[in-house]
Amino acid sequence: MVADFENAAFSLGIDEISDPVKTEYGYHIIKVTDKKEAKEATFEENKDSIYKVLFDQKISEEYSAWLTEKTEEYKIERSLS
């Protein structure tokens, strides 16, 4: 998080709305609807989401390599009529 955004967000109480906050990404109005106690992330609790991210990255890499290989292997003509 950008520091200005983080400072504004974490200084609000539940159901409070911030004044406009300017960051390098634009202007933001923040509304806090709930707060949860911070806890340390563990591998066991996050392994499914980690697996999905890594799997999606690998699929993307492999597909890109496969497509490049097939494009070079076959003569592909593109024409618009």
N, C-alpha and C. Protein backbone atom coordinates (compact mmCIF):
# COMPACT_ATOMS: atom_id res chain seq x y z
N MET A 1 0.83 -1.19 0.00
CA MET A 1 0.00 0.00 0.00
C MET A 1 0.87 1.25 0.00
N VAL A 2 0.41 2.25 -0.67
CA VAL A 2 1.08 3.54 -0.66
C VAL A 2 0.89 4.16 0.73
N ALA A 3 1.92 4.80 1.24
CA ALA A 3 1.91 5.30 2.62
C ALA A 3 0.72 6.21 2.94
N ASP A 4 0.40 7.16 2.06
CA ASP A 4 -0.72 8.07 2.32
C ASP A 4 -2.04 7.31 2.43
N PHE A 5 -2.23 6.34 1.55
CA PHE A 5 -3.45 5.53 1.57
C PHE A 5 -3.50 4.70 2.85
N GLU A 6 -2.39 4.06 3.18
CA GLU A 6 -2.33 3.22 4.37
C GLU A 6 -2.60 4.03 5.64
N ASN A 7 -1.98 5.19 5.74
CA ASN A 7 -2.19 6.05 6.92
C ASN A 7 -3.65 6.45 7.07
N ALA A 8 -4.27 6.83 5.96
CA ALA A 8 -5.68 7.23 6.01
C ALA A 8 -6.56 6.03 6.37
N ALA A 9 -6.32 4.90 5.74
CA ALA A 9 -7.16 3.72 5.96
C ALA A 9 -7.09 3.23 7.40
N PHE A 10 -5.88 3.16 7.95
CA PHE A 10 -5.73 2.59 9.28
C PHE A 10 -6.02 3.58 10.40
N SER A 11 -6.22 4.84 10.06
CA SER A 11 -6.57 5.82 11.09
C SER A 11 -8.08 5.93 11.27
N LEU A 12 -8.84 5.30 10.40
CA LEU A 12 -10.30 5.37 10.47
C LEU A 12 -10.86 4.29 11.39
N GLY A 13 -12.01 4.60 11.98
CA GLY A 13 -12.74 3.61 12.74
C GLY A 13 -13.77 2.93 11.86
N ILE A 14 -14.43 1.93 12.39
CA ILE A 14 -15.46 1.21 11.63
C ILE A 14 -16.59 2.18 11.28
N ASP A 15 -17.06 2.09 10.04
CA ASP A 15 -18.13 2.91 9.46
C ASP A 15 -17.73 4.37 9.25
N GLU A 16 -16.44 4.68 9.34
CA GLU A 16 -15.98 6.03 9.03
C GLU A 16 -15.57 6.11 7.57
N ILE A 17 -15.70 7.32 7.01
CA ILE A 17 -15.34 7.59 5.62
C ILE A 17 -14.27 8.67 5.62
N SER A 18 -13.24 8.49 4.83
CA SER A 18 -12.13 9.44 4.79
C SER A 18 -12.46 10.64 3.92
N ASP A 19 -11.69 11.70 4.11
CA ASP A 19 -11.67 12.77 3.14
C ASP A 19 -10.95 12.23 1.92
N PRO A 20 -11.02 12.90 0.77
CA PRO A 20 -10.27 12.41 -0.39
C PRO A 20 -8.78 12.29 -0.07
N VAL A 21 -8.19 11.18 -0.48
CA VAL A 21 -6.77 10.91 -0.27
C VAL A 21 -6.10 10.86 -1.63
N LYS A 22 -5.09 11.71 -1.83
CA LYS A 22 -4.39 11.73 -3.11
C LYS A 22 -3.14 10.86 -3.01
N THR A 23 -2.99 9.94 -3.97
CA THR A 23 -1.78 9.12 -4.07
C THR A 23 -1.29 9.20 -5.51
N GLU A 24 -0.21 8.51 -5.80
CA GLU A 24 0.31 8.47 -7.16
C GLU A 24 -0.65 7.77 -8.13
N TYR A 25 -1.65 7.05 -7.59
CA TYR A 25 -2.62 6.34 -8.41
C TYR A 25 -3.91 7.11 -8.62
N GLY A 26 -4.03 8.28 -8.01
CA GLY A 26 -5.22 9.09 -8.16
C GLY A 26 -5.79 9.46 -6.80
N TYR A 27 -7.08 9.78 -6.80
CA TYR A 27 -7.77 10.16 -5.57
C TYR A 27 -8.61 9.00 -5.07
N HIS A 28 -8.70 8.87 -3.76
CA HIS A 28 -9.43 7.75 -3.16
C HIS A 28 -10.28 8.27 -2.01
N ILE A 29 -11.44 7.68 -1.88
CA ILE A 29 -12.28 7.89 -0.70
C ILE A 29 -12.43 6.51 -0.07
N ILE A 30 -12.06 6.42 1.17
CA ILE A 30 -11.99 5.12 1.85
C ILE A 30 -13.09 5.02 2.88
N LYS A 31 -13.80 3.89 2.87
CA LYS A 31 -14.80 3.61 3.90
C LYS A 31 -14.41 2.31 4.57
N VAL A 32 -14.30 2.34 5.89
CA VAL A 32 -13.97 1.14 6.65
C VAL A 32 -15.28 0.48 7.07
N THR A 33 -15.47 -0.76 6.66
CA THR A 33 -16.69 -1.49 7.00
C THR A 33 -16.47 -2.54 8.08
N ASP A 34 -15.21 -2.93 8.28
CA ASP A 34 -14.89 -3.94 9.27
C ASP A 34 -13.39 -3.91 9.54
N LYS A 35 -13.00 -4.38 10.68
CA LYS A 35 -11.58 -4.52 11.01
C LYS A 35 -11.36 -5.91 11.58
N LYS A 36 -10.23 -6.49 11.23
CA LYS A 36 -9.86 -7.79 11.74
C LYS A 36 -8.50 -7.69 12.41
N GLU A 37 -8.32 -8.47 13.42
CA GLU A 37 -7.04 -8.52 14.12
C GLU A 37 -5.98 -9.07 13.17
N ALA A 38 -4.84 -8.42 13.13
CA ALA A 38 -3.75 -8.90 12.28
C ALA A 38 -3.22 -10.22 12.81
N LYS A 39 -2.88 -11.12 11.90
CA LYS A 39 -2.29 -12.39 12.31
C LYS A 39 -1.22 -12.77 11.31
N GLU A 40 -0.30 -13.57 11.75
CA GLU A 40 0.80 -13.99 10.91
C GLU A 40 0.30 -15.00 9.88
N ALA A 41 0.71 -14.78 8.64
CA ALA A 41 0.35 -15.70 7.57
C ALA A 41 1.15 -16.99 7.72
N THR A 42 0.48 -18.11 7.46
CA THR A 42 1.16 -19.39 7.51
C THR A 42 1.03 -20.09 6.16
N PHE A 43 1.99 -20.92 5.87
CA PHE A 43 1.96 -21.68 4.62
C PHE A 43 0.73 -22.56 4.55
N GLU A 44 0.43 -23.25 5.63
CA GLU A 44 -0.70 -24.18 5.64
C GLU A 44 -2.02 -23.49 5.30
N GLU A 45 -2.21 -22.29 5.81
CA GLU A 45 -3.47 -21.56 5.53
C GLU A 45 -3.52 -21.00 4.12
N ASN A 46 -2.37 -20.83 3.48
CA ASN A 46 -2.33 -20.17 2.18
C ASN A 46 -1.83 -21.04 1.04
N LYS A 47 -1.56 -22.32 1.31
CA LYS A 47 -0.96 -23.15 0.28
C LYS A 47 -1.84 -23.32 -0.95
N ASP A 48 -3.16 -23.36 -0.79
CA ASP A 48 -4.04 -23.50 -1.95
C ASP A 48 -3.95 -22.28 -2.87
N SER A 49 -3.96 -21.09 -2.29
CA SER A 49 -3.88 -19.88 -3.12
C SER A 49 -2.49 -19.74 -3.72
N ILE A 50 -1.45 -20.14 -3.00
CA ILE A 50 -0.09 -20.10 -3.54
C ILE A 50 0.02 -21.07 -4.72
N TYR A 51 -0.53 -22.26 -4.56
CA TYR A 51 -0.52 -23.26 -5.63
C TYR A 51 -1.22 -22.70 -6.88
N LYS A 52 -2.37 -22.08 -6.69
CA LYS A 52 -3.13 -21.54 -7.84
C LYS A 52 -2.34 -20.47 -8.56
N VAL A 53 -1.71 -19.56 -7.84
CA VAL A 53 -0.92 -18.50 -8.46
C VAL A 53 0.24 -19.10 -9.25
N LEU A 54 0.97 -20.02 -8.64
CA LEU A 54 2.11 -20.65 -9.32
C LEU A 54 1.66 -21.48 -10.53
N PHE A 55 0.55 -22.18 -10.39
CA PHE A 55 0.01 -22.98 -11.48
C PHE A 55 -0.38 -22.09 -12.66
N ASP A 56 -1.09 -21.00 -12.37
CA ASP A 56 -1.50 -20.06 -13.43
C ASP A 56 -0.30 -19.44 -14.13
N GLN A 57 0.75 -19.10 -13.37
CA GLN A 57 1.96 -18.56 -13.97
C GLN A 57 2.62 -19.58 -14.89
N LYS A 58 2.71 -20.81 -14.45
CA LYS A 58 3.35 -21.86 -15.24
C LYS A 58 2.55 -22.15 -16.51
N ILE A 59 1.24 -22.20 -16.39
CA ILE A 59 0.38 -22.42 -17.57
C ILE A 59 0.60 -21.31 -18.59
N SER A 60 0.65 -20.08 -18.13
CA SER A 60 0.85 -18.94 -19.01
C SER A 60 2.20 -19.04 -19.73
N GLU A 61 3.24 -19.36 -18.99
CA GLU A 61 4.58 -19.51 -19.58
C GLU A 61 4.60 -20.64 -20.60
N GLU A 62 4.06 -21.79 -20.22
CA GLU A 62 4.08 -22.95 -21.11
C GLU A 62 3.25 -22.71 -22.36
N TYR A 63 2.09 -22.09 -22.21
CA TYR A 63 1.23 -21.81 -23.37
C TYR A 63 1.94 -20.87 -24.33
N SER A 64 2.56 -19.84 -23.79
CA SER A 64 3.28 -18.88 -24.62
C SER A 64 4.39 -19.57 -25.41
N ALA A 65 5.16 -20.42 -24.74
CA ALA A 65 6.23 -21.15 -25.41
C ALA A 65 5.66 -22.10 -26.46
N TRP A 66 4.58 -22.80 -26.14
CA TRP A 66 3.95 -23.73 -27.07
C TRP A 66 3.44 -22.99 -28.30
N LEU A 67 2.79 -21.86 -28.08
CA LEU A 67 2.23 -21.09 -29.19
C LEU A 67 3.34 -20.58 -30.11
N THR A 68 4.43 -20.11 -29.54
CA THR A 68 5.57 -19.65 -30.34
C THR A 68 6.13 -20.80 -31.15
N GLU A 69 6.27 -21.95 -30.53
CA GLU A 69 6.79 -23.13 -31.22
C GLU A 69 5.89 -23.52 -32.38
N LYS A 70 4.60 -23.58 -32.16
CA LYS A 70 3.66 -23.97 -33.21
C LYS A 70 3.58 -22.94 -34.31
N THR A 71 3.70 -21.67 -33.97
CA THR A 71 3.67 -20.62 -34.98
C THR A 71 4.87 -20.75 -35.91
N GLU A 72 6.02 -21.10 -35.35
CA GLU A 72 7.22 -21.30 -36.17
C GLU A 72 7.16 -22.61 -36.96
N GLU A 73 6.50 -23.61 -36.41
CA GLU A 73 6.44 -24.93 -37.03
C GLU A 73 5.51 -24.96 -38.25
N TYR A 74 4.41 -24.23 -38.17
CA TYR A 74 3.42 -24.24 -39.24
C TYR A 74 3.39 -22.89 -39.94
N LYS A 75 3.10 -22.93 -41.21
CA LYS A 75 2.95 -21.68 -41.96
C LYS A 75 1.55 -21.17 -41.71
N ILE A 76 1.47 -20.05 -41.08
CA ILE A 76 0.16 -19.47 -40.75
C ILE A 76 0.00 -18.17 -41.52
N GLU A 77 -1.06 -18.10 -42.29
CA GLU A 77 -1.34 -16.89 -43.04
C GLU A 77 -2.57 -16.23 -42.45
N ARG A 78 -2.45 -14.95 -42.25
CA ARG A 78 -3.59 -14.19 -41.75
C ARG A 78 -3.99 -13.19 -42.82
N SER A 79 -5.24 -13.22 -43.16
CA SER A 79 -5.71 -12.26 -44.17
C SER A 79 -7.12 -11.80 -43.79
N LEU A 80 -7.33 -10.55 -43.97
CA LEU A 80 -8.66 -9.99 -43.73
C LEU A 80 -9.28 -9.68 -45.08
N SER A 81 -10.54 -10.02 -45.26
CA SER A 81 -11.17 -9.74 -46.55
C SER A 81 -12.08 -8.55 -46.47
